[in-house]
Every structure is written in C-alpha cells, then in structure tokens.
Amino acid sequence: MLTDFIKYINKVSPLSKEAEAELSTRLKSKTFKKGQLINKQGQICRKLYFINKGLVKHYYHHKNRTFIIRFFSENNVFTVLDSFIRQTPAEFITIALEDSELTYLDDQDVEALCRNHHSFETVIRKTFAMAAVINLKRIKEMFDADATELYKSFVKENKHLLQRISLGDIASYLGISQVSLSRIRAKN
C-alpha cells in the first residue's frame, strides 16, 4: 500500500532515488472506520494523506447547513490545504464515508523531505497547485452553472463514485435540496 503513494508521487513528478528512499522511511499508515473523523474543525491539519482504499469528504457547517467541498477516493492525495500550509486551525471537517486505509506523511516529514530533496519539493508544489486549480474550477462552476449543469458535471467527473455517495451528500455538494436533486435526476 505504501508503494501506491510512491507510484502516485512519481506520476506527479519523478523523485530522485534518494528522495524515494527517504520518503519510504517516513510513510505511515492508518485506517479509519466509516463515520470516523480524520480532521476536526478547529484542529490543525498536520498530515498529508493518500487514499489506498475508501472514500472521504471535506465539509463545513454554516448557519445550520452543511456544505461539502470535495470527495476524495482511492489514489488521491488530500489534506485540509489552508490549515496544513499555514498551520492554523481548520475550518473544514474531514470524515471517512467508508472504511478507509490511508498512507500519510506528517507535516514535519513533508518539510524535511522538501528541504532535503528538490524533486520532492517539486512534487509538493505541483500537488498543491493542482489542488488550487481544482478548487478554483469548483468555485467558478458554482457561480456559472445552474443545478442541472452542476449535477451533469458531477456525474461526468465522478461516475465511479455515484453508487458510493449518498443522495444527501450529492445534494449538499451541489448546494441544492435533496428534493431538487431528485427532480433533476428524474429529468435525466
């Protein structure tokens, strides 16, 4: 399982043999049960995760509403980006939607690997840049698209997850009610 993370990293940007060897010694793994919190609101996120198996979501509560920011499934890297980078309390919550097996690096290990290996620093820069681009795309989509377009886009990009995510979570991700989602699904 730890080797899957290394394979992922090498696809983002190839590591030097020395960086790969040091990375291997710093990787840890942890399992989370369905419904278990991975990162709480107000907690500083100190880990960069890779999903070997399972499904998680980032979300937050505001005025009695839940807003789902993103879902992450197998072979994806995630963290509470702003909390991890700035080492400030997280506003977002991360929870396992399924039993999940994660590989992770502590923030101090990320810093040490970046300091010791330019090739690893490149991986982190590219990974965080990709996350920023995905977040900007999501924000633009929320401004530009209506609920039907949002749903079609979600289905296109997440077809492999549709049977794994509840309708309530999909509706929350789209920013609509479950009733509205049912109507949209019935039309399509």
C-alpha atoms as a PDB file:
ATOM      1  CA  MET A   1       0.000   0.000   0.000  1.00  0.00           C
ATOM      2  CA  LEU A   2       2.816   2.413   0.800  1.00  0.00           C
ATOM      3  CA  THR A   3       4.214   1.812  -2.683  1.00  0.00           C
ATOM      4  CA  ASP A   4       0.936   3.099  -4.220  1.00  0.00           C
ATOM      5  CA  PHE A   5       1.664   6.522  -2.714  1.00  0.00           C
ATOM      6  CA  ILE A   6       5.182   6.466  -4.144  1.00  0.00           C
ATOM      7  CA  LYS A   7       3.804   5.490  -7.575  1.00  0.00           C
ATOM      8  CA  TYR A   8       1.326   8.387  -7.352  1.00  0.00           C
ATOM      9  CA  ILE A   9       4.092  10.826  -6.409  1.00  0.00           C
ATOM     10  CA  ASN A  10       6.295   9.685  -9.279  1.00  0.00           C
ATOM     11  CA  LYS A  11       3.408  10.337 -11.716  1.00  0.00           C
ATOM     12  CA  VAL A  12       3.114  13.915 -10.410  1.00  0.00           C
ATOM     13  CA  SER A  13       6.849  14.446 -10.827  1.00  0.00           C
ATOM     14  CA  PRO A  14       9.634  11.836 -10.729  1.00  0.00           C
ATOM     15  CA  LEU A  15      11.568  11.592  -7.475  1.00  0.00           C
ATOM     16  CA  SER A  16      15.283  11.063  -7.235  1.00  0.00           C
ATOM     17  CA  LYS A  17      16.264   7.630  -5.924  1.00  0.00           C
ATOM     18  CA  GLU A  18      17.495   9.274  -2.708  1.00  0.00           C
ATOM     19  CA  ALA A  19      14.200  11.121  -2.212  1.00  0.00           C
ATOM     20  CA  GLU A  20      12.207   7.956  -2.864  1.00  0.00           C
ATOM     21  CA  ALA A  21      14.305   6.030  -0.341  1.00  0.00           C
ATOM     22  CA  GLU A  22      13.882   8.693   2.349  1.00  0.00           C
ATOM     23  CA  LEU A  23      10.168   9.039   1.589  1.00  0.00           C
ATOM     24  CA  SER A  24       9.731   5.286   2.079  1.00  0.00           C
ATOM     25  CA  THR A  25      11.169   5.525   5.586  1.00  0.00           C
ATOM     26  CA  ARG A  26       8.823   8.368   6.577  1.00  0.00           C
ATOM     27  CA  LEU A  27       5.483   6.993   5.326  1.00  0.00           C
ATOM     28  CA  LYS A  28       2.935   5.818   7.867  1.00  0.00           C
ATOM     29  CA  SER A  29      -0.497   4.262   7.509  1.00  0.00           C
ATOM     30  CA  LYS A  30      -3.755   4.407   9.400  1.00  0.00           C
ATOM     31  CA  THR A  31      -7.248   3.050   8.981  1.00  0.00           C
ATOM     32  CA  PHE A  32     -10.448   4.961   9.670  1.00  0.00           C
ATOM     33  CA  LYS A  33     -13.866   3.409  10.170  1.00  0.00           C
ATOM     34  CA  LYS A  34     -16.889   4.719   8.302  1.00  0.00           C
ATOM     35  CA  GLY A  35     -18.068   7.878  10.087  1.00  0.00           C
ATOM     36  CA  GLN A  36     -14.757   8.461  11.878  1.00  0.00           C
ATOM     37  CA  LEU A  37     -13.350  11.989  11.822  1.00  0.00           C
ATOM     38  CA  ILE A  38      -9.985  12.347  10.125  1.00  0.00           C
ATOM     39  CA  ASN A  39      -9.638  16.060  10.875  1.00  0.00           C
ATOM     40  CA  LYS A  40     -11.913  18.126  13.118  1.00  0.00           C
ATOM     41  CA  GLN A  41     -12.913  21.745  12.777  1.00  0.00           C
ATOM     42  CA  GLY A  42     -10.556  23.822  14.931  1.00  0.00           C
ATOM     43  CA  GLN A  43      -7.805  21.185  14.752  1.00  0.00           C
ATOM     44  CA  ILE A  44      -4.608  21.977  12.877  1.00  0.00           C
ATOM     45  CA  CYS A  45      -4.188  19.529   9.995  1.00  0.00           C
ATOM     46  CA  ARG A  46      -0.682  18.151  10.294  1.00  0.00           C
ATOM     47  CA  LYS A  47      -0.890  15.321   7.766  1.00  0.00           C
ATOM     48  CA  LEU A  48      -0.795  14.887   4.005  1.00  0.00           C
ATOM     49  CA  TYR A  49      -2.887  11.809   3.167  1.00  0.00           C
ATOM     50  CA  PHE A  50      -3.087   9.361   0.285  1.00  0.00           C
ATOM     51  CA  ILE A  51      -6.128   7.103  -0.032  1.00  0.00           C
ATOM     52  CA  ASN A  52      -5.239   3.472  -0.639  1.00  0.00           C
ATOM     53  CA  LYS A  53      -8.816   2.313  -0.118  1.00  0.00           C
ATOM     54  CA  GLY A  54     -12.007   4.122   0.821  1.00  0.00           C
ATOM     55  CA  LEU A  55     -13.811   7.420   0.435  1.00  0.00           C
ATOM     56  CA  VAL A  56     -13.687  10.644   2.463  1.00  0.00           C
ATOM     57  CA  LYS A  57     -15.254  14.084   2.257  1.00  0.00           C
ATOM     58  CA  HIS A  58     -14.302  17.631   3.258  1.00  0.00           C
ATOM     59  CA  TYR A  59     -17.181  19.713   4.545  1.00  0.00           C
ATOM     60  CA  TYR A  60     -18.170  22.513   6.867  1.00  0.00           C
ATOM     61  CA  HIS A  61     -21.261  23.773   8.653  1.00  0.00           C
ATOM     62  CA  HIS A  62     -22.638  27.287   8.274  1.00  0.00           C
ATOM     63  CA  LYS A  63     -25.957  28.541   9.622  1.00  0.00           C
ATOM     64  CA  ASN A  64     -27.456  25.064  10.074  1.00  0.00           C
ATOM     65  CA  ARG A  65     -26.368  23.939   6.603  1.00  0.00           C
ATOM     66  CA  THR A  66     -23.699  21.503   5.590  1.00  0.00           C
ATOM     67  CA  PHE A  67     -21.536  22.382   2.604  1.00  0.00           C
ATOM     68  CA  ILE A  68     -19.494  19.594   1.080  1.00  0.00           C
ATOM     69  CA  ILE A  69     -16.351  20.920  -0.510  1.00  0.00           C
ATOM     70  CA  ARG A  70     -14.931  17.785  -2.076  1.00  0.00           C
ATOM     71  CA  PHE A  71     -14.890  13.991  -2.109  1.00  0.00           C
ATOM     72  CA  PHE A  72     -11.645  12.011  -2.264  1.00  0.00           C
ATOM     73  CA  SER A  73     -11.389   8.348  -3.242  1.00  0.00           C
ATOM     74  CA  GLU A  74      -8.653   5.839  -3.994  1.00  0.00           C
ATOM     75  CA  ASN A  75      -5.350   7.052  -5.418  1.00  0.00           C
ATOM     76  CA  ASN A  76      -5.906  10.670  -4.396  1.00  0.00           C
ATOM     77  CA  VAL A  77      -3.921  12.915  -2.091  1.00  0.00           C
ATOM     78  CA  PHE A  78      -5.717  15.225   0.323  1.00  0.00           C
ATOM     79  CA  THR A  79      -5.234  17.476   3.302  1.00  0.00           C
ATOM     80  CA  VAL A  80      -7.047  20.472   4.719  1.00  0.00           C
ATOM     81  CA  LEU A  81      -4.924  22.645   2.487  1.00  0.00           C
ATOM     82  CA  ASP A  82      -5.094  26.037   4.204  1.00  0.00           C
ATOM     83  CA  SER A  83      -4.666  24.513   7.660  1.00  0.00           C
ATOM     84  CA  PHE A  84      -1.753  22.328   6.540  1.00  0.00           C
ATOM     85  CA  ILE A  85       0.095  25.125   4.733  1.00  0.00           C
ATOM     86  CA  ARG A  86      -0.424  27.846   7.356  1.00  0.00           C
ATOM     87  CA  GLN A  87      -0.574  25.521  10.396  1.00  0.00           C
ATOM     88  CA  THR A  88      -3.776  27.202  11.575  1.00  0.00           C
ATOM     89  CA  PRO A  89      -6.967  25.612  12.927  1.00  0.00           C
ATOM     90  CA  ALA A  90      -9.043  24.014  10.183  1.00  0.00           C
ATOM     91  CA  GLU A  91     -12.451  25.349   9.300  1.00  0.00           C
ATOM     92  CA  PHE A  92     -13.246  22.195   7.363  1.00  0.00           C
ATOM     93  CA  ILE A  93     -14.005  18.737   8.674  1.00  0.00           C
ATOM     94  CA  THR A  94     -12.766  15.570   7.015  1.00  0.00           C
ATOM     95  CA  ILE A  95     -14.662  12.343   7.637  1.00  0.00           C
ATOM     96  CA  ALA A  96     -14.464   8.792   6.298  1.00  0.00           C
ATOM     97  CA  LEU A  97     -17.560   7.894   4.277  1.00  0.00           C
ATOM     98  CA  GLU A  98     -16.377   4.288   4.087  1.00  0.00           C
ATOM     99  CA  ASP A  99     -13.840   2.231   5.975  1.00  0.00           C
ATOM    100  CA  SER A 100     -10.643   3.776   4.627  1.00  0.00           C
ATOM    101  CA  GLU A 101      -6.970   2.856   4.531  1.00  0.00           C
ATOM    102  CA  LEU A 102      -4.710   5.887   4.311  1.00  0.00           C
ATOM    103  CA  THR A 103      -0.999   6.422   3.891  1.00  0.00           C
ATOM    104  CA  TYR A 104       0.263   9.709   5.267  1.00  0.00           C
ATOM    105  CA  LEU A 105       3.186  11.993   5.923  1.00  0.00           C
ATOM    106  CA  ASP A 106       3.393  14.288   8.941  1.00  0.00           C
ATOM    107  CA  ASP A 107       3.937  17.978   8.188  1.00  0.00           C
ATOM    108  CA  GLN A 108       7.441  17.815   9.674  1.00  0.00           C
ATOM    109  CA  ASP A 109       8.311  14.941   7.342  1.00  0.00           C
ATOM    110  CA  VAL A 110       6.983  16.910   4.359  1.00  0.00           C
ATOM    111  CA  GLU A 111       9.158  19.867   5.388  1.00  0.00           C
ATOM    112  CA  ALA A 112      12.238  17.684   5.859  1.00  0.00           C
ATOM    113  CA  LEU A 113      11.752  15.938   2.518  1.00  0.00           C
ATOM    114  CA  CYS A 114      11.321  19.310   0.780  1.00  0.00           C
ATOM    115  CA  ARG A 115      14.468  20.635   2.464  1.00  0.00           C
ATOM    116  CA  ASN A 116      16.482  17.515   1.604  1.00  0.00           C
ATOM    117  CA  HIS A 117      15.229  16.816  -1.933  1.00  0.00           C
ATOM    118  CA  HIS A 118      14.372  19.296  -4.658  1.00  0.00           C
ATOM    119  CA  SER A 119      12.474  16.546  -6.504  1.00  0.00           C
ATOM    120  CA  PHE A 120      10.121  16.102  -3.528  1.00  0.00           C
ATOM    121  CA  GLU A 121       9.664  19.863  -3.192  1.00  0.00           C
ATOM    122  CA  THR A 122       8.582  19.880  -6.847  1.00  0.00           C
ATOM    123  CA  VAL A 123       6.003  17.169  -6.117  1.00  0.00           C
ATOM    124  CA  ILE A 124       4.530  19.187  -3.247  1.00  0.00           C
ATOM    125  CA  ARG A 125       4.446  22.386  -5.308  1.00  0.00           C
ATOM    126  CA  LYS A 126       2.676  20.615  -8.190  1.00  0.00           C
ATOM    127  CA  THR A 127       0.270  18.790  -5.860  1.00  0.00           C
ATOM    128  CA  PHE A 128      -0.775  21.977  -4.071  1.00  0.00           C
ATOM    129  CA  ALA A 129      -1.033  23.854  -7.380  1.00  0.00           C
ATOM    130  CA  MET A 130      -3.340  21.130  -8.759  1.00  0.00           C
ATOM    131  CA  ALA A 131      -5.491  21.387  -5.626  1.00  0.00           C
ATOM    132  CA  ALA A 132      -5.744  25.160  -6.055  1.00  0.00           C
ATOM    133  CA  VAL A 133      -6.776  24.778  -9.706  1.00  0.00           C
ATOM    134  CA  ILE A 134      -9.453  22.209  -8.797  1.00  0.00           C
ATOM    135  CA  ASN A 135     -10.788  24.491  -6.053  1.00  0.00           C
ATOM    136  CA  LEU A 136     -10.903  27.489  -8.394  1.00  0.00           C
ATOM    137  CA  LYS A 137     -12.722  25.416 -11.020  1.00  0.00           C
ATOM    138  CA  ARG A 138     -15.289  24.379  -8.408  1.00  0.00           C
ATOM    139  CA  ILE A 139     -15.846  27.989  -7.292  1.00  0.00           C
ATOM    140  CA  LYS A 140     -16.285  29.171 -10.886  1.00  0.00           C
ATOM    141  CA  GLU A 141     -18.677  26.316 -11.602  1.00  0.00           C
ATOM    142  CA  MET A 142     -20.784  27.214  -8.554  1.00  0.00           C
ATOM    143  CA  PHE A 143     -21.092  30.787  -9.857  1.00  0.00           C
ATOM    144  CA  ASP A 144     -21.654  29.978 -13.534  1.00  0.00           C
ATOM    145  CA  ALA A 145     -23.737  26.798 -13.617  1.00  0.00           C
ATOM    146  CA  ASP A 146     -27.313  26.068 -12.638  1.00  0.00           C
ATOM    147  CA  ALA A 147     -28.194  22.991 -10.559  1.00  0.00           C
ATOM    148  CA  THR A 148     -28.786  20.767 -13.598  1.00  0.00           C
ATOM    149  CA  GLU A 149     -25.424  21.698 -15.101  1.00  0.00           C
ATOM    150  CA  LEU A 150     -23.711  21.147 -11.749  1.00  0.00           C
ATOM    151  CA  TYR A 151     -25.262  17.694 -11.473  1.00  0.00           C
ATOM    152  CA  LYS A 152     -24.251  16.726 -15.027  1.00  0.00           C
ATOM    153  CA  SER A 153     -20.714  17.890 -14.366  1.00  0.00           C
ATOM    154  CA  PHE A 154     -20.600  15.980 -11.078  1.00  0.00           C
ATOM    155  CA  VAL A 155     -21.819  12.790 -12.778  1.00  0.00           C
ATOM    156  CA  LYS A 156     -19.320  13.175 -15.621  1.00  0.00           C
ATOM    157  CA  GLU A 157     -16.372  13.656 -13.263  1.00  0.00           C
ATOM    158  CA  ASN A 158     -17.477  11.231 -10.525  1.00  0.00           C
ATOM    159  CA  LYS A 159     -19.366   8.453 -12.304  1.00  0.00           C
ATOM    160  CA  HIS A 160     -17.245   5.878 -10.492  1.00  0.00           C
ATOM    161  CA  LEU A 161     -18.436   7.268  -7.121  1.00  0.00           C
ATOM    162  CA  LEU A 162     -22.184   7.621  -7.720  1.00  0.00           C
ATOM    163  CA  GLN A 163     -23.086   4.342  -6.006  1.00  0.00           C
ATOM    164  CA  ARG A 164     -20.804   5.169  -3.071  1.00  0.00           C
ATOM    165  CA  ILE A 165     -22.071   8.662  -2.190  1.00  0.00           C
ATOM    166  CA  SER A 166     -25.486   9.256  -0.621  1.00  0.00           C
ATOM    167  CA  LEU A 167     -28.024  11.448  -2.423  1.00  0.00           C
ATOM    168  CA  GLY A 168     -27.990  13.776   0.587  1.00  0.00           C
ATOM    169  CA  ASP A 169     -24.233  14.264   0.221  1.00  0.00           C
ATOM    170  CA  ILE A 170     -24.513  14.820  -3.543  1.00  0.00           C
ATOM    171  CA  ALA A 171     -27.246  17.424  -2.959  1.00  0.00           C
ATOM    172  CA  SER A 172     -25.112  19.133  -0.312  1.00  0.00           C
ATOM    173  CA  TYR A 173     -22.115  19.155  -2.657  1.00  0.00           C
ATOM    174  CA  LEU A 174     -24.253  20.755  -5.367  1.00  0.00           C
ATOM    175  CA  GLY A 175     -25.741  23.264  -2.913  1.00  0.00           C
ATOM    176  CA  ILE A 176     -29.329  22.140  -3.508  1.00  0.00           C
ATOM    177  CA  SER A 177     -32.015  20.260  -1.587  1.00  0.00           C
ATOM    178  CA  GLN A 178     -32.419  16.519  -1.923  1.00  0.00           C
ATOM    179  CA  VAL A 179     -35.898  17.136  -3.422  1.00  0.00           C
ATOM    180  CA  SER A 180     -34.357  19.339  -6.130  1.00  0.00           C
ATOM    181  CA  LEU A 181     -31.734  16.684  -6.809  1.00  0.00           C
ATOM    182  CA  SER A 182     -34.461  14.039  -7.202  1.00  0.00           C
ATOM    183  CA  ARG A 183     -36.241  16.233  -9.751  1.00  0.00           C
ATOM    184  CA  ILE A 184     -33.026  16.772 -11.710  1.00  0.00           C
ATOM    185  CA  ARG A 185     -32.246  13.055 -11.687  1.00  0.00           C
ATOM    186  CA  ALA A 186     -35.767  12.209 -12.875  1.00  0.00           C
ATOM    187  CA  LYS A 187     -35.357  14.522 -15.896  1.00  0.00           C
ATOM    188  CA  ASN A 188     -32.046  12.959 -16.903  1.00  0.00           C
END
